Protein backbone atom coordinates (compact mmCIF):
# COMPACT_ATOMS: atom_id res chain seq x y z
CA MET A 1 -52.26 5.71 -28.42
CA VAL A 2 -48.51 4.90 -28.40
CA THR A 3 -48.00 7.10 -25.33
CA ASP A 4 -50.73 5.23 -23.54
CA VAL A 5 -49.06 1.92 -24.46
CA VAL A 6 -45.71 3.16 -23.07
CA HIS A 7 -47.39 4.19 -19.84
CA ALA A 8 -49.14 0.83 -19.54
CA LEU A 9 -45.91 -1.11 -20.17
CA ALA A 10 -44.15 0.99 -17.57
CA ARG A 11 -46.37 -0.51 -14.99
CA VAL A 12 -45.30 -4.06 -15.87
CA SER A 13 -42.66 -5.21 -13.37
CA LEU A 14 -39.82 -7.46 -14.47
CA ARG A 15 -38.25 -7.81 -11.02
CA ASP A 16 -38.17 -11.18 -9.38
CA ARG A 17 -40.81 -12.65 -11.65
CA PRO A 18 -40.65 -15.76 -13.87
CA LEU A 19 -40.48 -14.91 -17.58
CA ASN A 20 -43.77 -16.79 -18.34
CA ASP A 21 -45.65 -14.57 -15.86
CA VAL A 22 -44.24 -11.40 -17.36
CA LEU A 23 -45.11 -12.48 -20.90
CA ALA A 24 -48.63 -13.55 -19.91
CA GLU A 25 -49.26 -10.11 -18.48
CA ILE A 26 -47.82 -8.43 -21.59
CA SER A 27 -49.97 -10.58 -23.88
CA ARG A 28 -53.11 -9.50 -21.95
CA LEU A 29 -51.96 -5.86 -22.03
CA ALA A 30 -51.46 -6.12 -25.82
CA ARG A 31 -55.00 -7.19 -26.35
CA ASP A 32 -56.25 -4.36 -24.17
CA VAL A 33 -54.24 -1.57 -25.74
CA VAL A 34 -54.60 -2.51 -29.41
CA PRO A 35 -58.22 -1.67 -30.24
CA GLY A 36 -58.74 -4.12 -33.10
CA ALA A 37 -57.16 -7.09 -31.31
CA ASP A 38 -59.36 -10.09 -30.53
CA ALA A 39 -56.52 -12.36 -29.51
CA THR A 40 -52.75 -12.02 -28.95
CA SER A 41 -49.71 -14.35 -28.49
CA ILE A 42 -45.98 -14.18 -28.08
CA THR A 43 -43.95 -16.57 -30.31
CA LEU A 44 -40.39 -17.36 -29.33
CA LEU A 45 -37.82 -19.21 -31.41
CA ARG A 46 -34.83 -20.83 -29.88
CA GLY A 47 -32.73 -22.66 -32.46
CA ASP A 48 -35.12 -24.56 -34.67
CA ARG A 49 -37.87 -24.69 -32.03
CA ALA A 50 -40.82 -22.31 -32.23
CA PHE A 51 -43.39 -22.08 -29.40
CA THR A 52 -46.02 -19.81 -27.96
CA ALA A 53 -44.70 -18.45 -24.70
CA ALA A 54 -47.97 -16.70 -23.81
CA ASN A 55 -51.36 -16.10 -25.35
CA THR A 56 -54.59 -14.37 -24.66
CA GLY A 57 -57.41 -16.03 -26.56
CA GLU A 58 -57.42 -19.58 -27.97
CA GLU A 59 -57.70 -18.23 -31.55
CA ALA A 60 -54.14 -16.94 -31.18
CA LEU A 61 -52.80 -20.28 -30.04
CA ASP A 62 -54.62 -22.02 -32.92
CA ALA A 63 -53.21 -19.50 -35.49
CA ASP A 64 -49.64 -19.95 -34.05
CA GLN A 65 -49.90 -23.75 -34.14
CA LEU A 66 -50.98 -23.75 -37.84
CA GLN A 67 -47.65 -21.92 -38.50
CA TYR A 68 -45.50 -24.18 -36.36
CA GLU A 69 -46.87 -27.17 -38.18
CA ARG A 70 -45.95 -25.74 -41.55
CA GLY A 71 -42.66 -24.15 -40.47
CA TYR A 72 -43.59 -20.76 -41.85
CA GLY A 73 -46.14 -17.97 -41.51
CA PRO A 74 -46.27 -14.27 -40.27
CA CYS A 75 -45.18 -14.91 -36.70
CA MET A 76 -42.31 -17.21 -37.63
CA ASP A 77 -41.12 -15.09 -40.56
CA ALA A 78 -41.30 -11.91 -38.44
CA GLY A 79 -39.13 -13.45 -35.82
CA ARG A 80 -36.58 -14.85 -38.37
CA THR A 81 -36.32 -11.77 -40.54
CA GLY A 82 -36.86 -8.96 -38.00
CA LEU A 83 -39.53 -7.52 -40.41
CA LEU A 84 -43.02 -6.67 -39.39
CA MET A 85 -45.62 -8.83 -41.02
CA HIS A 86 -49.05 -7.22 -41.51
CA VAL A 87 -51.97 -9.21 -43.02
CA ASP A 88 -54.82 -6.88 -43.84
CA ASP A 89 -57.11 -9.65 -45.18
CA MET A 90 -56.37 -13.37 -45.01
CA ALA A 91 -58.85 -13.92 -47.84
CA VAL A 92 -56.56 -12.22 -50.35
CA GLU A 93 -53.19 -12.84 -48.69
CA SER A 94 -50.77 -14.49 -51.15
CA ARG A 95 -47.50 -14.87 -49.11
CA TRP A 96 -48.68 -17.95 -47.20
CA PRO A 97 -51.73 -19.20 -49.17
CA ASP A 98 -52.03 -22.53 -47.34
CA TYR A 99 -51.80 -20.98 -43.93
CA SER A 100 -54.00 -18.05 -44.84
CA LYS A 101 -56.80 -20.42 -46.00
CA ALA A 102 -56.48 -22.61 -42.91
CA VAL A 103 -56.45 -19.77 -40.34
CA GLN A 104 -59.73 -18.34 -41.70
CA ASP A 105 -61.41 -21.52 -40.46
CA LYS A 106 -60.15 -20.58 -37.02
CA GLY A 107 -61.93 -17.27 -37.26
CA ILE A 108 -58.92 -15.00 -38.07
CA ARG A 109 -59.10 -12.54 -40.94
CA SER A 110 -56.28 -10.10 -40.13
CA SER A 111 -53.12 -9.98 -38.14
CA VAL A 112 -49.96 -8.18 -37.14
CA SER A 113 -46.70 -9.91 -36.15
CA ALA A 114 -44.14 -7.43 -34.76
CA PRO A 115 -40.62 -8.85 -34.41
CA LEU A 116 -38.62 -8.63 -31.20
CA PRO A 117 -36.08 -5.94 -32.13
CA TYR A 118 -33.10 -7.35 -30.17
CA GLN A 119 -31.60 -10.55 -31.63
CA GLY A 120 -29.98 -12.82 -29.15
CA ALA A 121 -30.25 -16.51 -28.12
CA THR A 122 -34.03 -16.10 -28.39
CA ILE A 123 -35.88 -14.36 -31.25
CA GLY A 124 -39.65 -14.04 -31.83
CA ALA A 125 -42.63 -11.81 -32.37
CA LEU A 126 -45.72 -10.35 -30.82
CA ASN A 127 -48.83 -11.57 -32.66
CA VAL A 128 -52.11 -9.70 -32.69
CA TYR A 129 -55.10 -11.33 -34.44
CA ALA A 130 -58.59 -10.08 -35.38
CA ALA A 131 -61.77 -11.69 -36.64
CA VAL A 132 -62.45 -8.99 -39.28
CA PRO A 133 -60.29 -7.84 -42.19
CA GLY A 134 -58.61 -4.41 -42.00
CA ALA A 135 -58.68 -4.40 -38.27
CA PHE A 136 -55.34 -2.69 -37.65
CA SER A 137 -54.47 0.92 -38.31
CA THR A 138 -51.04 2.49 -38.48
CA GLN A 139 -51.31 3.58 -34.92
CA ASP A 140 -52.29 0.02 -33.93
CA ILE A 141 -49.17 -1.33 -35.70
CA ALA A 142 -47.01 1.25 -33.86
CA ALA A 143 -48.50 0.12 -30.57
CA CYS A 144 -47.67 -3.51 -31.44
CA GLU A 145 -44.02 -2.49 -32.06
CA GLU A 146 -43.82 -0.72 -28.70
CA VAL A 147 -45.06 -3.84 -26.94
CA ALA A 148 -42.58 -6.02 -28.93
CA ASP A 149 -39.73 -3.78 -27.69
CA TYR A 150 -40.75 -4.42 -24.12
CA ILE A 151 -41.08 -8.20 -24.72
CA ALA A 152 -37.58 -8.17 -26.11
CA VAL A 153 -36.12 -6.51 -22.94
CA ALA A 154 -37.90 -9.10 -20.77
CA VAL A 155 -36.69 -12.05 -22.84
CA ASN A 156 -33.13 -10.78 -23.14
CA ASN A 157 -33.00 -10.15 -19.38
CA ALA A 158 -34.23 -13.73 -18.75
CA ASP A 159 -31.66 -15.08 -21.21
CA ALA A 160 -28.86 -13.14 -19.54
CA HIS A 161 -29.93 -14.37 -16.05
CA SER A 162 -30.07 -17.97 -17.34
CA GLU A 163 -26.54 -17.62 -18.83
CA ALA A 164 -25.25 -16.15 -15.59
CA VAL A 165 -26.73 -19.04 -13.56
CA GLN A 166 -25.23 -21.57 -15.94
CA LEU A 167 -21.83 -19.89 -15.75
CA ALA A 168 -22.00 -19.93 -11.92
CA THR A 169 -22.97 -23.59 -11.98
CA ASP A 170 -20.13 -24.44 -14.36
CA MET A 171 -17.63 -22.53 -12.20
CA ARG A 172 -18.74 -24.39 -9.10
CA ARG A 173 -18.51 -27.72 -10.85
CA ALA A 174 -15.03 -26.78 -12.05
CA MET A 175 -13.95 -25.84 -8.49
CA GLU A 176 -15.37 -29.04 -7.11
CA SER A 177 -13.56 -31.05 -9.78
CA ARG A 178 -10.33 -29.29 -8.98
CA ALA A 179 -10.73 -29.92 -5.30
CA VAL A 180 -11.28 -33.68 -5.66
CA ILE A 181 -8.41 -33.99 -8.10
CA ASP A 182 -6.13 -32.19 -5.68
CA MET A 183 -7.23 -34.63 -2.95
CA ALA A 184 -6.55 -37.63 -5.22
CA LYS A 185 -3.13 -36.12 -6.07
CA GLY A 186 -2.37 -35.82 -2.35
CA ILE A 187 -3.17 -39.48 -1.85
CA LEU A 188 -0.86 -40.58 -4.73
CA ILE A 189 1.93 -38.29 -3.39
CA ALA A 190 1.67 -39.99 0.02
CA ARG A 191 1.54 -43.45 -1.52
CA HIS A 192 4.30 -43.09 -4.09
CA HIS A 193 6.42 -40.26 -2.60
CA CYS A 194 6.18 -38.43 -5.85
CA SER A 195 5.78 -34.82 -6.94
CA PRO A 196 2.41 -33.18 -7.55
CA GLU A 197 3.22 -33.22 -11.36
CA GLU A 198 3.98 -36.94 -11.20
CA ALA A 199 0.82 -37.64 -9.26
CA PHE A 200 -1.28 -35.86 -11.87
CA ALA A 201 0.51 -37.76 -14.61
CA ILE A 202 -0.46 -41.03 -12.91
CA LEU A 203 -4.08 -39.90 -12.71
CA SER A 204 -4.15 -38.72 -16.31
CA ARG A 205 -2.54 -41.98 -17.62
CA THR A 206 -4.95 -44.17 -15.58
CA SER A 207 -7.88 -42.13 -16.82
CA GLN A 208 -6.89 -42.66 -20.45
CA ASN A 209 -6.01 -46.33 -19.99
CA HIS A 210 -9.42 -47.08 -18.35
CA ASN A 211 -11.44 -44.64 -20.45
CA ARG A 212 -12.78 -42.88 -17.33
CA LYS A 213 -13.18 -39.20 -16.71
CA LEU A 214 -10.48 -37.74 -14.60
CA ARG A 215 -12.89 -36.41 -11.99
CA ASP A 216 -14.69 -39.79 -11.71
CA LEU A 217 -11.31 -41.52 -11.24
CA ALA A 218 -10.31 -39.00 -8.60
CA GLU A 219 -13.61 -39.41 -6.75
CA ALA A 220 -13.19 -43.21 -6.73
CA LEU A 221 -9.67 -42.94 -5.40
CA VAL A 222 -10.72 -40.52 -2.63
CA ALA A 223 -13.71 -42.69 -1.74
CA SER A 224 -11.55 -45.84 -1.54
CA GLU A 225 -9.03 -44.05 0.62
CA HIS A 226 -11.67 -43.02 3.12
CA ALA A 227 -13.65 -46.30 3.02
CA PRO A 228 -13.52 -48.24 6.34
CA SER A 229 -11.01 -51.08 6.16
CA SER A 230 -12.35 -54.59 6.62
CA SER A 231 -10.85 -56.47 9.51
């Protein structure tokens, strides 16, 4: 079965697709390839925030939400600890008694939460739920772990892309700030016949005295210099 899962995952394209689309496809695939699965979801944790990034079946969303409300449960603990959480029968599960009792009312009797193996800015787990106890075999659990590996790759790629975009944005803003400050320095050099260092000192001192950001002050100076004079 694991080989079949690997082949199915190999057909999932990550290229030029939003992360939520990829995760939705993987969630559907997980339900298809794990025989005992009635519903699946993907929990992600960023900082203190846990959320369901994709789900197939409302039961999975309900089960996830019960855990988010409590701040604990198989999916959250799998993500936080990196350990696989297998519940063979919610009726006798003692690790999360309050959650286990509540989730049975949602029609869930067994589950597997496989952690994402790569820890980065985002952690989480693949969750597979079933309406009957003892739904998941050793092979099923191995399949869940294969799917979780692929989810981790998709999430880490998305995080890396987001960081790269943010870095590019920050660099562009820094370059824009430098350009406007250089223009302001040029105006002060022309006005006061001073050196570039002295012009920057004037800007810096004025910024501190008026509690204004250096860039904002520079922009205001450049704008006033280019404003049409009133006759």
